[in-house]
Amino acid sequence: MFASILFYPTLDICLFAFICIPGFIFGVLYMMYSYFSGKRMGDNINHDAHLYGALYGFLLSLLLVPQALPSFVNQIANWRMF
Protein backbone atom coordinates (compact mmCIF):
# COMPACT_ATOMS: atom_id res chain seq x y z
CA MET A 1 0.00 0.00 0.00
CA PHE A 2 2.73 2.45 0.94
CA ALA A 3 4.75 1.61 -2.15
CA SER A 4 1.76 2.64 -4.25
CA ILE A 5 1.47 5.83 -2.21
CA LEU A 6 5.10 6.60 -3.10
CA PHE A 7 4.39 6.33 -6.83
CA TYR A 8 0.85 7.79 -6.87
CA PRO A 9 0.44 9.93 -3.72
CA THR A 10 -2.59 11.88 -4.94
CA LEU A 11 -4.57 8.84 -6.06
CA ASP A 12 -7.64 8.37 -3.88
CA ILE A 13 -7.85 5.49 -1.43
CA CYS A 14 -11.45 4.63 -0.61
CA LEU A 15 -12.53 3.24 2.74
CA PHE A 16 -15.85 1.42 2.92
CA ALA A 17 -16.45 2.35 -0.75
CA PHE A 18 -17.54 5.92 -0.05
CA ILE A 19 -14.91 7.68 2.09
CA CYS A 20 -12.16 8.58 -0.39
CA ILE A 21 -9.01 10.51 0.54
CA PRO A 22 -5.69 11.07 -1.27
CA GLY A 23 -3.07 8.43 -0.58
CA PHE A 24 -0.54 10.72 1.09
CA ILE A 25 -3.16 11.91 3.60
CA PHE A 26 -4.25 8.32 4.22
CA GLY A 27 -0.60 7.40 4.79
CA VAL A 28 -0.10 10.06 7.44
CA LEU A 29 -3.35 9.15 9.20
CA TYR A 30 -2.50 5.44 9.09
CA MET A 31 0.96 6.03 10.53
CA MET A 32 -0.50 8.12 13.36
CA TYR A 33 -3.17 5.50 14.07
CA SER A 34 -0.63 2.65 14.10
CA TYR A 35 1.77 4.56 16.34
CA PHE A 36 -0.78 5.57 18.95
CA SER A 37 -2.59 2.23 18.88
CA GLY A 38 0.74 0.46 19.34
CA LYS A 39 1.46 2.56 22.42
CA ARG A 40 -1.97 1.79 23.89
CA MET A 41 -1.69 -2.02 23.37
CA GLY A 42 -5.33 -2.79 24.11
CA ASP A 43 -6.67 -4.82 21.18
CA ASN A 44 -4.32 -7.80 20.62
CA ILE A 45 -3.14 -6.44 17.24
CA ASN A 46 0.55 -5.83 16.65
CA HIS A 47 0.27 -2.25 15.40
CA ASP A 48 4.04 -1.84 15.52
CA ALA A 49 4.40 -4.58 12.89
CA HIS A 50 1.93 -2.76 10.64
CA LEU A 51 3.73 0.54 11.22
CA TYR A 52 7.18 -0.88 10.40
CA GLY A 53 5.79 -2.87 7.47
CA ALA A 54 4.38 0.33 5.98
CA LEU A 55 7.69 2.13 6.47
CA TYR A 56 9.58 -0.82 4.98
CA GLY A 57 7.35 -0.87 1.88
CA PHE A 58 7.87 2.84 1.35
CA LEU A 59 11.63 2.81 1.96
CA LEU A 60 12.35 -0.35 -0.04
CA SER A 61 10.47 1.07 -3.02
CA LEU A 62 12.40 4.31 -2.62
CA LEU A 63 15.68 2.39 -2.49
CA LEU A 64 14.83 0.44 -5.64
CA VAL A 65 13.49 3.46 -7.56
CA PRO A 66 15.24 6.57 -6.16
CA GLN A 67 13.81 8.87 -8.84
CA ALA A 68 10.39 8.29 -7.29
CA LEU A 69 11.13 10.75 -4.44
CA PRO A 70 11.26 13.91 -6.60
CA SER A 71 8.12 12.74 -8.37
CA PHE A 72 6.43 12.10 -5.00
CA VAL A 73 7.29 15.58 -3.72
CA ASN A 74 6.27 17.21 -7.02
CA GLN A 75 2.88 15.47 -7.09
CA ILE A 76 2.10 16.53 -3.52
CA ALA A 77 3.28 20.10 -4.18
CA ASN A 78 0.99 20.36 -7.22
CA TRP A 79 -2.01 18.72 -5.53
CA ARG A 80 -5.10 20.87 -5.13
CA MET A 81 -8.14 19.88 -3.12
CA PHE A 82 -10.58 21.37 -5.62
PDB file of N, CA and C in Angstrom:
ATOM      1  N   MET A   1       0.827  -1.183   0.000  1.00  0.00           N
ATOM      2  CA  MET A   1       0.000   0.000   0.000  1.00  0.00           C
ATOM      3  C   MET A   1       0.876   1.254   0.000  1.00  0.00           C
ATOM      4  N   PHE A   2       1.893   1.260   0.853  1.00  0.00           N
ATOM      5  CA  PHE A   2       2.727   2.454   0.940  1.00  0.00           C
ATOM      6  C   PHE A   2       3.662   2.596  -0.252  1.00  0.00           C
ATOM      7  N   ALA A   3       3.987   1.508  -0.909  1.00  0.00           N
ATOM      8  CA  ALA A   3       4.754   1.606  -2.149  1.00  0.00           C
ATOM      9  C   ALA A   3       3.907   2.298  -3.215  1.00  0.00           C
ATOM     10  N   SER A   4       2.637   1.974  -3.286  1.00  0.00           N
ATOM     11  CA  SER A   4       1.763   2.638  -4.254  1.00  0.00           C
ATOM     12  C   SER A   4       1.572   4.107  -3.903  1.00  0.00           C
ATOM     13  N   ILE A   5       1.571   4.431  -2.616  1.00  0.00           N
ATOM     14  CA  ILE A   5       1.469   5.833  -2.208  1.00  0.00           C
ATOM     15  C   ILE A   5       2.714   6.600  -2.650  1.00  0.00           C
ATOM     16  N   LEU A   6       3.876   5.951  -2.622  1.00  0.00           N
ATOM     17  CA  LEU A   6       5.100   6.602  -3.096  1.00  0.00           C
ATOM     18  C   LEU A   6       4.986   6.974  -4.571  1.00  0.00           C
ATOM     19  N   PHE A   7       4.462   6.081  -5.390  1.00  0.00           N
ATOM     20  CA  PHE A   7       4.394   6.326  -6.827  1.00  0.00           C
ATOM     21  C   PHE A   7       3.192   7.174  -7.239  1.00  0.00           C
ATOM     22  N   TYR A   8       2.081   7.042  -6.537  1.00  0.00           N
ATOM     23  CA  TYR A   8       0.852   7.787  -6.865  1.00  0.00           C
ATOM     24  C   TYR A   8       0.259   8.396  -5.601  1.00  0.00           C
ATOM     25  N   PRO A   9       0.893   9.410  -5.008  1.00  0.00           N
ATOM     26  CA  PRO A   9       0.437   9.931  -3.718  1.00  0.00           C
ATOM     27  C   PRO A   9      -0.905  10.653  -3.744  1.00  0.00           C
ATOM     28  N   THR A  10      -1.324  11.149  -4.890  1.00  0.00           N
ATOM     29  CA  THR A  10      -2.591  11.880  -4.936  1.00  0.00           C
ATOM     30  C   THR A  10      -3.763  11.008  -5.373  1.00  0.00           C
ATOM     31  N   LEU A  11      -3.502   9.759  -5.684  1.00  0.00           N
ATOM     32  CA  LEU A  11      -4.569   8.836  -6.059  1.00  0.00           C
ATOM     33  C   LEU A  11      -5.423   8.544  -4.832  1.00  0.00           C
ATOM     34  N   ASP A  12      -6.739   8.577  -5.004  1.00  0.00           N
ATOM     35  CA  ASP A  12      -7.641   8.366  -3.877  1.00  0.00           C
ATOM     36  C   ASP A  12      -7.622   6.922  -3.394  1.00  0.00           C
ATOM     37  N   ILE A  13      -7.671   6.782  -2.074  1.00  0.00           N
ATOM     38  CA  ILE A  13      -7.852   5.487  -1.425  1.00  0.00           C
ATOM     39  C   ILE A  13      -9.211   5.553  -0.756  1.00  0.00           C
ATOM     40  N   CYS A  14     -10.075   4.611  -1.109  1.00  0.00           N
ATOM     41  CA  CYS A  14     -11.453   4.634  -0.612  1.00  0.00           C
ATOM     42  C   CYS A  14     -11.628   3.626   0.520  1.00  0.00           C
ATOM     43  N   LEU A  15     -12.215   4.086   1.596  1.00  0.00           N
ATOM     44  CA  LEU A  15     -12.534   3.241   2.735  1.00  0.00           C
ATOM     45  C   LEU A  15     -14.040   3.016   2.752  1.00  0.00           C
ATOM     46  N   PHE A  16     -14.433   1.778   2.881  1.00  0.00           N
ATOM     47  CA  PHE A  16     -15.854   1.418   2.921  1.00  0.00           C
ATOM     48  C   PHE A  16     -16.600   1.910   1.687  1.00  0.00           C
ATOM     49  N   ALA A  17     -15.915   2.026   0.574  1.00  0.00           N
ATOM     50  CA  ALA A  17     -16.454   2.346  -0.748  1.00  0.00           C
ATOM     51  C   ALA A  17     -17.021   3.753  -0.900  1.00  0.00           C
ATOM     52  N   PHE A  18     -17.003   4.572   0.142  1.00  0.00           N
ATOM     53  CA  PHE A  18     -17.545   5.919  -0.049  1.00  0.00           C
ATOM     54  C   PHE A  18     -16.745   7.016   0.641  1.00  0.00           C
ATOM     55  N   ILE A  19     -15.783   6.684   1.477  1.00  0.00           N
ATOM     56  CA  ILE A  19     -14.915   7.679   2.089  1.00  0.00           C
ATOM     57  C   ILE A  19     -13.583   7.626   1.334  1.00  0.00           C
ATOM     58  N   CYS A  20     -13.363   8.589   0.446  1.00  0.00           N
ATOM     59  CA  CYS A  20     -12.162   8.584  -0.389  1.00  0.00           C
ATOM     60  C   CYS A  20     -11.272   9.770  -0.023  1.00  0.00           C
ATOM     61  N   ILE A  21      -9.988   9.471   0.220  1.00  0.00           N
ATOM     62  CA  ILE A  21      -9.009  10.512   0.536  1.00  0.00           C
ATOM     63  C   ILE A  21      -7.734  10.236  -0.252  1.00  0.00           C
ATOM     64  N   PRO A  22      -6.954  11.282  -0.553  1.00  0.00           N
ATOM     65  CA  PRO A  22      -5.691  11.074  -1.268  1.00  0.00           C
ATOM     66  C   PRO A  22      -4.749  10.161  -0.479  1.00  0.00           C
ATOM     67  N   GLY A  23      -3.950   9.406  -1.191  1.00  0.00           N
ATOM     68  CA  GLY A  23      -3.073   8.428  -0.576  1.00  0.00           C
ATOM     69  C   GLY A  23      -2.102   9.006   0.430  1.00  0.00           C
ATOM     70  N   PHE A  24      -1.518  10.172   0.153  1.00  0.00           N
ATOM     71  CA  PHE A  24      -0.540  10.722   1.087  1.00  0.00           C
ATOM     72  C   PHE A  24      -1.190  11.144   2.398  1.00  0.00           C
ATOM     73  N   ILE A  25      -2.442  11.583   2.365  1.00  0.00           N
ATOM     74  CA  ILE A  25      -3.165  11.913   3.599  1.00  0.00           C
ATOM     75  C   ILE A  25      -3.517  10.629   4.347  1.00  0.00           C
ATOM     76  N   PHE A  26      -3.973   9.615   3.609  1.00  0.00           N
ATOM     77  CA  PHE A  26      -4.252   8.324   4.219  1.00  0.00           C
ATOM     78  C   PHE A  26      -3.004   7.773   4.895  1.00  0.00           C
ATOM     79  N   GLY A  27      -1.856   7.903   4.239  1.00  0.00           N
ATOM     80  CA  GLY A  27      -0.602   7.402   4.789  1.00  0.00           C
ATOM     81  C   GLY A  27      -0.255   8.048   6.118  1.00  0.00           C
ATOM     82  N   VAL A  28      -0.393   9.344   6.193  1.00  0.00           N
ATOM     83  CA  VAL A  28      -0.099  10.061   7.438  1.00  0.00           C
ATOM     84  C   VAL A  28      -1.073   9.630   8.532  1.00  0.00           C
ATOM     85  N   LEU A  29      -2.355   9.564   8.203  1.00  0.00           N
ATOM     86  CA  LEU A  29      -3.345   9.150   9.196  1.00  0.00           C
ATOM     87  C   LEU A  29      -3.117   7.719   9.662  1.00  0.00           C
ATOM     88  N   TYR A  30      -2.760   6.828   8.733  1.00  0.00           N
ATOM     89  CA  TYR A  30      -2.502   5.443   9.085  1.00  0.00           C
ATOM     90  C   TYR A  30      -1.292   5.314   9.996  1.00  0.00           C
ATOM     91  N   MET A  31      -0.232   6.069   9.698  1.00  0.00           N
ATOM     92  CA  MET A  31       0.965   6.028  10.533  1.00  0.00           C
ATOM     93  C   MET A  31       0.657   6.532  11.941  1.00  0.00           C
ATOM     94  N   MET A  32      -0.120   7.599  12.043  1.00  0.00           N
ATOM     95  CA  MET A  32      -0.495   8.116  13.358  1.00  0.00           C
ATOM     96  C   MET A  32      -1.340   7.094  14.120  1.00  0.00           C
ATOM     97  N   TYR A  33      -2.310   6.502  13.440  1.00  0.00           N
ATOM     98  CA  TYR A  33      -3.166   5.499  14.070  1.00  0.00           C
ATOM     99  C   TYR A  33      -2.338   4.310  14.557  1.00  0.00           C
ATOM    100  N   SER A  34      -1.442   3.809  13.720  1.00  0.00           N
ATOM    101  CA  SER A  34      -0.627   2.653  14.100  1.00  0.00           C
ATOM    102  C   SER A  34       0.295   2.988  15.272  1.00  0.00           C
ATOM    103  N   TYR A  35       0.873   4.165  15.254  1.00  0.00           N
ATOM    104  CA  TYR A  35       1.772   4.562  16.336  1.00  0.00           C
ATOM    105  C   TYR A  35       1.035   4.649  17.670  1.00  0.00           C
ATOM    106  N   PHE A  36      -0.069   5.379  17.695  1.00  0.00           N
ATOM    107  CA  PHE A  36      -0.784   5.570  18.953  1.00  0.00           C
ATOM    108  C   PHE A  36      -1.485   4.296  19.414  1.00  0.00           C
ATOM    109  N   SER A  37      -1.977   3.498  18.501  1.00  0.00           N
ATOM    110  CA  SER A  37      -2.590   2.226  18.881  1.00  0.00           C
ATOM    111  C   SER A  37      -1.537   1.252  19.405  1.00  0.00           C
ATOM    112  N   GLY A  38      -0.344   1.305  18.852  1.00  0.00           N
ATOM    113  CA  GLY A  38       0.741   0.464  19.342  1.00  0.00           C
ATOM    114  C   GLY A  38       1.161   0.839  20.748  1.00  0.00           C
ATOM    115  N   LYS A  39       1.113   2.112  21.074  1.00  0.00           N
ATOM    116  CA  LYS A  39       1.456   2.564  22.420  1.00  0.00           C
ATOM    117  C   LYS A  39       0.383   2.156  23.436  1.00  0.00           C
ATOM    118  N   ARG A  40      -0.865   2.119  22.990  1.00  0.00           N
ATOM    119  CA  ARG A  40      -1.974   1.792  23.887  1.00  0.00           C
ATOM    120  C   ARG A  40      -2.033   0.306  24.197  1.00  0.00           C
ATOM    121  N   MET A  41      -1.727  -0.552  23.228  1.00  0.00           N
ATOM    122  CA  MET A  41      -1.692  -2.017  23.368  1.00  0.00           C
ATOM    123  C   MET A  41      -2.952  -2.583  24.023  1.00  0.00           C
ATOM    124  N   GLY A  42      -4.117  -2.309  23.473  1.00  0.00           N
ATOM    125  CA  GLY A  42      -5.330  -2.794  24.106  1.00  0.00           C
ATOM    126  C   GLY A  42      -6.182  -3.709  23.259  1.00  0.00           C
ATOM    127  N   ASP A  43      -5.758  -4.064  22.041  1.00  0.00           N
ATOM    128  CA  ASP A  43      -6.675  -4.818  21.182  1.00  0.00           C
ATOM    129  C   ASP A  43      -6.073  -6.077  20.561  1.00  0.00           C
ATOM    130  N   ASN A  44      -4.949  -6.567  21.087  1.00  0.00           N
ATOM    131  CA  ASN A  44      -4.316  -7.804  20.616  1.00  0.00           C
ATOM    132  C   ASN A  44      -3.927  -7.777  19.140  1.00  0.00           C
ATOM    133  N   ILE A  45      -3.649  -6.595  18.599  1.00  0.00           N
ATOM    134  CA  ILE A  45      -3.141  -6.436  17.239  1.00  0.00           C
ATOM    135  C   ILE A  45      -1.754  -5.820  17.345  1.00  0.00           C
ATOM    136  N   ASN A  46      -0.812  -6.358  16.614  1.00  0.00           N
ATOM    137  CA  ASN A  46       0.549  -5.828  16.649  1.00  0.00           C
ATOM    138  C   ASN A  46       0.633  -4.624  15.704  1.00  0.00           C
ATOM    139  N   HIS A  47       0.263  -3.468  16.208  1.00  0.00           N
ATOM    140  CA  HIS A  47       0.266  -2.250  15.402  1.00  0.00           C
ATOM    141  C   HIS A  47       1.686  -1.829  15.028  1.00  0.00           C
ATOM    142  N   ASP A  48       2.658  -2.168  15.859  1.00  0.00           N
ATOM    143  CA  ASP A  48       4.044  -1.835  15.525  1.00  0.00           C
ATOM    144  C   ASP A  48       4.486  -2.575  14.265  1.00  0.00           C
ATOM    145  N   ALA A  49       4.058  -3.819  14.103  1.00  0.00           N
ATOM    146  CA  ALA A  49       4.397  -4.578  12.894  1.00  0.00           C
ATOM    147  C   ALA A  49       3.784  -3.925  11.663  1.00  0.00           C
ATOM    148  N   HIS A  50       2.568  -3.445  11.774  1.00  0.00           N
ATOM    149  CA  HIS A  50       1.931  -2.758  10.645  1.00  0.00           C
ATOM    150  C   HIS A  50       2.647  -1.436  10.341  1.00  0.00           C
ATOM    151  N   LEU A  51       3.025  -0.727  11.391  1.00  0.00           N
ATOM    152  CA  LEU A  51       3.734   0.537  11.220  1.00  0.00           C
ATOM    153  C   LEU A  51       5.072   0.321  10.513  1.00  0.00           C
ATOM    154  N   TYR A  52       5.866  -0.629  11.012  1.00  0.00           N
ATOM    155  CA  TYR A  52       7.176  -0.876  10.404  1.00  0.00           C
ATOM    156  C   TYR A  52       7.053  -1.525   9.024  1.00  0.00           C
ATOM    157  N   GLY A  53       6.020  -2.301   8.804  1.00  0.00           N
ATOM    158  CA  GLY A  53       5.789  -2.872   7.474  1.00  0.00           C
ATOM    159  C   GLY A  53       5.478  -1.781   6.458  1.00  0.00           C
ATOM    160  N   ALA A  54       4.689  -0.792   6.866  1.00  0.00           N
ATOM    161  CA  ALA A  54       4.382   0.332   5.976  1.00  0.00           C
ATOM    162  C   ALA A  54       5.639   1.137   5.664  1.00  0.00           C
ATOM    163  N   LEU A  55       6.428   1.407   6.680  1.00  0.00           N
ATOM    164  CA  LEU A  55       7.687   2.130   6.465  1.00  0.00           C
ATOM    165  C   LEU A  55       8.638   1.342   5.566  1.00  0.00           C
ATOM    166  N   TYR A  56       8.709   0.033   5.788  1.00  0.00           N
ATOM    167  CA  TYR A  56       9.579  -0.817   4.981  1.00  0.00           C
ATOM    168  C   TYR A  56       9.145  -0.798   3.513  1.00  0.00           C
ATOM    169  N   GLY A  57       7.845  -0.902   3.254  1.00  0.00           N
ATOM    170  CA  GLY A  57       7.354  -0.869   1.879  1.00  0.00           C
ATOM    171  C   GLY A  57       7.690   0.440   1.186  1.00  0.00           C
ATOM    172  N   PHE A  58       7.557   1.530   1.904  1.00  0.00           N
ATOM    173  CA  PHE A  58       7.872   2.843   1.352  1.00  0.00           C
ATOM    174  C   PHE A  58       9.369   2.978   1.085  1.00  0.00           C
ATOM    175  N   LEU A  59      10.184   2.631   2.084  1.00  0.00           N
ATOM    176  CA  LEU A  59      11.626   2.810   1.958  1.00  0.00           C
ATOM    177  C   LEU A  59      12.267   1.838   0.971  1.00  0.00           C
ATOM    178  N   LEU A  60      11.809   0.600   0.926  1.00  0.00           N
ATOM    179  CA  LEU A  60      12.353  -0.352  -0.044  1.00  0.00           C
ATOM    180  C   LEU A  60      12.045   0.100  -1.471  1.00  0.00           C
ATOM    181  N   SER A  61      10.836   0.563  -1.701  1.00  0.00           N
ATOM    182  CA  SER A  61      10.475   1.071  -3.022  1.00  0.00           C
ATOM    183  C   SER A  61      11.327   2.284  -3.377  1.00  0.00           C
ATOM    184  N   LEU A  62      11.574   3.127  -2.396  1.00  0.00           N
ATOM    185  CA  LEU A  62      12.405   4.308  -2.617  1.00  0.00           C
ATOM    186  C   LEU A  62      13.851   3.915  -2.910  1.00  0.00           C
ATOM    187  N   LEU A  63      14.335   2.881  -2.248  1.00  0.00           N
ATOM    188  CA  LEU A  63      15.684   2.390  -2.489  1.00  0.00           C
ATOM    189  C   LEU A  63      15.811   1.790  -3.893  1.00  0.00           C
ATOM    190  N   LEU A  64      14.789   1.067  -4.331  1.00  0.00           N
ATOM    191  CA  LEU A  64      14.830   0.438  -5.644  1.00  0.00           C
ATOM    192  C   LEU A  64      14.590   1.424  -6.785  1.00  0.00           C
ATOM    193  N   VAL A  65      13.805   2.460  -6.526  1.00  0.00           N
ATOM    194  CA  VAL A  65      13.486   3.464  -7.557  1.00  0.00           C
ATOM    195  C   VAL A  65      13.713   4.857  -6.948  1.00  0.00           C
ATOM    196  N   PRO A  66      14.959   5.297  -6.838  1.00  0.00           N
ATOM    197  CA  PRO A  66      15.243   6.569  -6.161  1.00  0.00           C
ATOM    198  C   PRO A  66      14.646   7.795  -6.854  1.00  0.00           C
ATOM    199  N   GLN A  67      14.401   7.723  -8.150  1.00  0.00           N
ATOM    200  CA  GLN A  67      13.811   8.871  -8.843  1.00  0.00           C
ATOM    201  C   GLN A  67      12.339   9.057  -8.488  1.00  0.00           C
ATOM    202  N   ALA A  68      11.778   8.155  -7.704  1.00  0.00           N
ATOM    203  CA  ALA A  68      10.386   8.292  -7.287  1.00  0.00           C
ATOM    204  C   ALA A  68      10.218   9.401  -6.251  1.00  0.00           C
ATOM    205  N   LEU A  69      11.245   9.713  -5.479  1.00  0.00           N
ATOM    206  CA  LEU A  69      11.127  10.745  -4.441  1.00  0.00           C
ATOM    207  C   LEU A  69      10.851  12.131  -5.026  1.00  0.00           C
ATOM    208  N   PRO A  70      11.607  12.603  -6.025  1.00  0.00           N
ATOM    209  CA  PRO A  70      11.261  13.911  -6.597  1.00  0.00           C
ATOM    210  C   PRO A  70       9.857  13.927  -7.200  1.00  0.00           C
ATOM    211  N   SER A  71       9.468  12.831  -7.812  1.00  0.00           N
ATOM    212  CA  SER A  71       8.119  12.742  -8.368  1.00  0.00           C
ATOM    213  C   SER A  71       7.066  12.799  -7.263  1.00  0.00           C
ATOM    214  N   PHE A  72       7.326  12.108  -6.160  1.00  0.00           N
ATOM    215  CA  PHE A  72       6.426  12.100  -5.003  1.00  0.00           C
ATOM    216  C   PHE A  72       6.234  13.518  -4.469  1.00  0.00           C
ATOM    217  N   VAL A  73       7.341  14.214  -4.251  1.00  0.00           N
ATOM    218  CA  VAL A  73       7.287  15.581  -3.724  1.00  0.00           C
ATOM    219  C   VAL A  73       6.581  16.501  -4.714  1.00  0.00           C
ATOM    220  N   ASN A  74       6.876  16.365  -6.002  1.00  0.00           N
ATOM    221  CA  ASN A  74       6.267  17.209  -7.025  1.00  0.00           C
ATOM    222  C   ASN A  74       4.755  16.997  -7.100  1.00  0.00           C
ATOM    223  N   GLN A  75       4.318  15.752  -7.024  1.00  0.00           N
ATOM    224  CA  GLN A  75       2.877  15.471  -7.091  1.00  0.00           C
ATOM    225  C   GLN A  75       2.146  16.062  -5.891  1.00  0.00           C
ATOM    226  N   ILE A  76       2.747  15.963  -4.712  1.00  0.00           N
ATOM    227  CA  ILE A  76       2.105  16.533  -3.520  1.00  0.00           C
ATOM    228  C   ILE A  76       2.112  18.054  -3.598  1.00  0.00           C
ATOM    229  N   ALA A  77       3.198  18.638  -4.081  1.00  0.00           N
ATOM    230  CA  ALA A  77       3.281  20.103  -4.185  1.00  0.00           C
ATOM    231  C   ALA A  77       2.266  20.659  -5.166  1.00  0.00           C
ATOM    232  N   ASN A  78       1.950  19.893  -6.211  1.00  0.00           N
ATOM    233  CA  ASN A  78       0.993  20.361  -7.224  1.00  0.00           C
ATOM    234  C   ASN A  78      -0.437  19.938  -6.935  1.00  0.00           C
ATOM    235  N   TRP A  79      -0.670  19.213  -5.843  1.00  0.00           N
ATOM    236  CA  TRP A  79      -2.009  18.722  -5.525  1.00  0.00           C
ATOM    237  C   TRP A  79      -2.898  19.862  -5.047  1.00  0.00           C
ATOM    238  N   ARG A  80      -4.101  19.893  -5.551  1.00  0.00           N
ATOM    239  CA  ARG A  80      -5.103  20.869  -5.130  1.00  0.00           C
ATOM    240  C   ARG A  80      -6.354  20.120  -4.716  1.00  0.00           C
ATOM    241  N   MET A  81      -6.957  20.552  -3.642  1.00  0.00           N
ATOM    242  CA  MET A  81      -8.144  19.875  -3.121  1.00  0.00           C
ATOM    243  C   MET A  81      -9.318  20.008  -4.094  1.00  0.00           C
ATOM    244  N   PHE A  82      -9.456  21.158  -4.692  1.00  0.00           N
ATOM    245  CA  PHE A  82     -10.581  21.371  -5.618  1.00  0.00           C
ATOM    246  C   PHE A  82     -10.084  21.830  -6.958  1.00  0.00           C
TER     247      PHE A  82
END
